[in-house]
Each structure stands twice: as C-alpha cells, then as structure tokens.
N, C-alpha and C. Protein backbone atom coordinates (compact mmCIF):
# COMPACT_ATOMS: atom_id res chain seq x y z
N UNK A 1 -14.37 5.45 -0.40
CA UNK A 1 -13.69 4.38 0.30
C UNK A 1 -13.17 4.91 1.63
N UNK A 2 -13.38 4.20 2.71
CA UNK A 2 -12.99 4.71 4.02
C UNK A 2 -11.49 4.67 4.33
N UNK A 3 -10.68 4.02 3.48
CA UNK A 3 -9.24 4.00 3.68
C UNK A 3 -8.63 5.06 2.75
N UNK A 4 -7.95 6.02 3.34
CA UNK A 4 -7.31 7.10 2.60
C UNK A 4 -5.81 6.83 2.56
N UNK A 5 -5.22 6.96 1.39
CA UNK A 5 -3.79 6.75 1.22
C UNK A 5 -3.10 8.11 1.18
N UNK A 6 -2.18 8.32 2.12
CA UNK A 6 -1.46 9.59 2.23
C UNK A 6 -0.01 9.43 1.78
N UNK A 7 0.22 8.62 0.80
CA UNK A 7 1.57 8.36 0.34
C UNK A 7 2.22 9.62 -0.23
N UNK A 8 1.46 10.44 -0.92
CA UNK A 8 2.00 11.69 -1.47
C UNK A 8 2.53 12.60 -0.36
N UNK A 9 1.85 12.61 0.76
CA UNK A 9 2.27 13.44 1.89
C UNK A 9 3.64 12.97 2.39
N UNK A 10 3.79 11.66 2.56
CA UNK A 10 5.07 11.13 3.05
C UNK A 10 6.18 11.33 2.03
N UNK A 11 5.86 11.18 0.76
CA UNK A 11 6.86 11.43 -0.28
C UNK A 11 7.33 12.88 -0.23
N UNK A 12 6.42 13.80 -0.06
CA UNK A 12 6.78 15.22 0.01
C UNK A 12 7.63 15.50 1.25
N UNK A 13 7.25 14.91 2.38
CA UNK A 13 8.01 15.11 3.62
C UNK A 13 9.44 14.58 3.48
N UNK A 14 9.59 13.51 2.73
CA UNK A 14 10.92 12.90 2.56
C UNK A 14 11.65 13.42 1.31
N UNK A 15 10.99 14.35 0.61
CA UNK A 15 11.56 14.94 -0.61
C UNK A 15 12.00 13.86 -1.59
N UNK A 16 11.08 12.92 -1.83
CA UNK A 16 11.35 11.79 -2.72
C UNK A 16 10.28 11.77 -3.81
N UNK A 17 10.67 11.38 -4.99
CA UNK A 17 9.74 11.27 -6.11
C UNK A 17 9.18 9.86 -6.17
N UNK A 18 8.01 9.73 -6.77
CA UNK A 18 7.34 8.44 -6.87
C UNK A 18 8.18 7.40 -7.59
N UNK A 19 8.81 7.81 -8.69
CA UNK A 19 9.59 6.83 -9.45
C UNK A 19 10.80 6.34 -8.66
N UNK A 20 11.36 7.19 -7.81
CA UNK A 20 12.48 6.77 -6.97
C UNK A 20 12.01 5.75 -5.93
N UNK A 21 10.86 6.00 -5.32
CA UNK A 21 10.31 5.06 -4.34
C UNK A 21 9.98 3.74 -5.00
N UNK A 22 9.33 3.79 -6.16
CA UNK A 22 8.97 2.57 -6.87
C UNK A 22 10.21 1.72 -7.17
N UNK A 23 11.27 2.38 -7.61
CA UNK A 23 12.51 1.66 -7.92
C UNK A 23 13.10 1.01 -6.67
N UNK A 24 13.13 1.75 -5.57
CA UNK A 24 13.71 1.22 -4.33
C UNK A 24 12.87 0.09 -3.75
N UNK A 25 11.53 0.18 -3.90
CA UNK A 25 10.64 -0.85 -3.37
C UNK A 25 10.64 -2.08 -4.27
N UNK A 26 10.84 -1.85 -5.58
CA UNK A 26 10.83 -2.96 -6.53
C UNK A 26 9.47 -3.21 -7.14
N UNK A 27 8.69 -2.12 -7.28
CA UNK A 27 7.39 -2.22 -7.95
C UNK A 27 7.39 -1.24 -9.12
N UNK A 28 6.45 -1.40 -10.01
CA UNK A 28 6.37 -0.50 -11.16
C UNK A 28 5.79 0.84 -10.72
N UNK A 29 6.10 1.88 -11.47
CA UNK A 29 5.52 3.19 -11.16
C UNK A 29 4.00 3.16 -11.36
N UNK A 30 3.54 2.32 -12.29
CA UNK A 30 2.09 2.18 -12.50
C UNK A 30 1.42 1.61 -11.26
N UNK A 31 2.01 0.57 -10.66
CA UNK A 31 1.43 -0.02 -9.45
C UNK A 31 1.50 0.96 -8.28
N UNK A 32 2.56 1.72 -8.18
CA UNK A 32 2.65 2.72 -7.12
C UNK A 32 1.59 3.79 -7.32
N UNK A 33 1.35 4.17 -8.56
CA UNK A 33 0.31 5.15 -8.86
C UNK A 33 -1.07 4.64 -8.46
N UNK A 34 -1.33 3.38 -8.72
CA UNK A 34 -2.61 2.76 -8.33
C UNK A 34 -2.76 2.82 -6.81
N UNK A 35 -1.68 2.55 -6.11
CA UNK A 35 -1.72 2.61 -4.65
C UNK A 35 -1.94 4.05 -4.17
N UNK A 36 -1.22 5.00 -4.75
CA UNK A 36 -1.33 6.40 -4.34
C UNK A 36 -2.72 6.97 -4.56
N UNK A 37 -3.38 6.56 -5.61
CA UNK A 37 -4.71 7.10 -5.91
C UNK A 37 -5.82 6.39 -5.14
N UNK A 38 -5.48 5.37 -4.37
CA UNK A 38 -6.48 4.65 -3.59
C UNK A 38 -7.28 3.65 -4.39
N UNK A 39 -6.82 3.32 -5.59
CA UNK A 39 -7.54 2.38 -6.44
C UNK A 39 -7.12 0.94 -6.22
N UNK A 40 -6.09 0.73 -5.41
CA UNK A 40 -5.62 -0.62 -5.13
C UNK A 40 -6.62 -1.33 -4.23
N UNK A 41 -6.86 -2.60 -4.51
CA UNK A 41 -7.76 -3.41 -3.70
C UNK A 41 -7.03 -4.06 -2.54
N UNK A 42 -5.70 -4.17 -2.65
CA UNK A 42 -4.90 -4.83 -1.62
C UNK A 42 -3.46 -4.37 -1.74
N UNK A 43 -2.70 -4.59 -0.70
CA UNK A 43 -1.26 -4.34 -0.72
C UNK A 43 -0.60 -5.47 0.06
N UNK A 44 0.48 -5.99 -0.48
CA UNK A 44 1.21 -7.04 0.21
C UNK A 44 1.93 -6.43 1.41
N UNK A 45 1.99 -7.20 2.48
CA UNK A 45 2.70 -6.72 3.66
C UNK A 45 4.17 -6.47 3.35
N UNK A 46 4.75 -7.27 2.47
CA UNK A 46 6.16 -7.06 2.11
C UNK A 46 6.35 -5.72 1.40
N UNK A 47 5.38 -5.34 0.57
CA UNK A 47 5.45 -4.04 -0.11
C UNK A 47 5.27 -2.92 0.89
N UNK A 48 4.29 -3.05 1.77
CA UNK A 48 4.06 -2.04 2.81
C UNK A 48 5.28 -1.90 3.71
N UNK A 49 5.88 -3.02 4.07
CA UNK A 49 7.07 -3.01 4.91
C UNK A 49 8.21 -2.26 4.20
N UNK A 50 8.40 -2.54 2.92
CA UNK A 50 9.47 -1.88 2.16
C UNK A 50 9.23 -0.38 2.06
N UNK A 51 7.99 0.02 1.80
CA UNK A 51 7.66 1.45 1.72
C UNK A 51 7.95 2.13 3.05
N UNK A 52 7.51 1.51 4.14
CA UNK A 52 7.73 2.09 5.47
C UNK A 52 9.23 2.17 5.80
N UNK A 53 9.97 1.15 5.42
CA UNK A 53 11.41 1.15 5.68
C UNK A 53 12.10 2.27 4.91
N UNK A 54 11.77 2.40 3.64
CA UNK A 54 12.41 3.40 2.80
C UNK A 54 12.02 4.82 3.21
N UNK A 55 10.74 5.02 3.54
CA UNK A 55 10.27 6.35 3.94
C UNK A 55 10.46 6.62 5.43
N UNK A 56 10.95 5.62 6.18
CA UNK A 56 11.16 5.74 7.62
C UNK A 56 9.88 6.23 8.30
N UNK A 57 8.82 5.44 8.12
CA UNK A 57 7.52 5.81 8.68
C UNK A 57 6.78 4.55 9.14
N UNK A 58 5.60 4.75 9.69
CA UNK A 58 4.74 3.68 10.14
C UNK A 58 3.59 3.52 9.13
N UNK A 59 2.94 2.34 9.07
CA UNK A 59 1.81 2.17 8.16
C UNK A 59 0.72 3.22 8.36
N UNK A 60 0.51 3.64 9.59
CA UNK A 60 -0.49 4.66 9.89
C UNK A 60 -0.14 6.04 9.34
N UNK A 61 1.13 6.25 9.01
CA UNK A 61 1.52 7.50 8.38
C UNK A 61 1.10 7.54 6.91
N UNK A 62 0.92 6.35 6.34
CA UNK A 62 0.59 6.22 4.92
C UNK A 62 -0.91 6.01 4.71
N UNK A 63 -1.54 5.26 5.62
CA UNK A 63 -2.95 4.92 5.47
C UNK A 63 -3.75 5.48 6.64
N UNK A 64 -4.96 5.89 6.33
CA UNK A 64 -5.84 6.48 7.35
C UNK A 64 -7.25 5.96 7.13
N UNK A 65 -7.92 5.61 8.23
CA UNK A 65 -9.30 5.16 8.15
C UNK A 65 -10.23 6.31 8.47
N UNK A 66 -11.20 6.54 7.60
CA UNK A 66 -12.21 7.58 7.81
C UNK A 66 -13.57 6.89 7.89
N UNK A 67 -14.28 7.10 8.98
CA UNK A 67 -15.62 6.54 9.12
C UNK A 67 -16.58 7.41 8.34
N UNK A 68 -17.07 6.90 7.22
CA UNK A 68 -17.95 7.67 6.35
C UNK A 68 -19.28 8.01 7.01
N UNK A 69 -19.69 7.24 8.02
CA UNK A 69 -20.95 7.50 8.71
C UNK A 69 -20.87 8.75 9.59
N UNK A 70 -19.65 9.16 9.93
CA UNK A 70 -19.47 10.33 10.79
C UNK A 70 -19.18 11.59 10.00
N UNK A 71 -19.18 11.50 8.69
CA UNK A 71 -18.90 12.70 7.89
C UNK A 71 -20.12 13.58 7.75
C-alpha cells in the first residue's frame, strides 16, 4: 500500500503509549492498532484531527505517500 502510517514514530517522539493515545482520542486500542499497522481503509477527519492535536503534529508527520513505481 502506498500510504505508510508512521504513528509509532510520533508516539515514540512524544513518549506516549498507544493505549494512552487511544483513550485521549476516544477510540478503542484495537482500532488504533488497525490504524498503526496500515490495515485501516479510512480514517475520519475528526479522528485524525484529534490525533494531531494530542501529538502536536501535522497529518504529514503521521502519514506518508510512497510511489511504488519508483521503488
């Protein structure tokens, strides 16, 4: 998949655990895990906004596009 999720990187930079982020965002740890592993098919803008607000980052800090044709 050409969209890479770097949520683990931001969590490490902010010294925050996944379950703490999930609680603050208001989603289950299972749904956060699905997002972190890149298995999510979609993310609500409200969820993305909450994650960015809590982690004090931009959407581009969490998600990255990789052109598979250039690999």
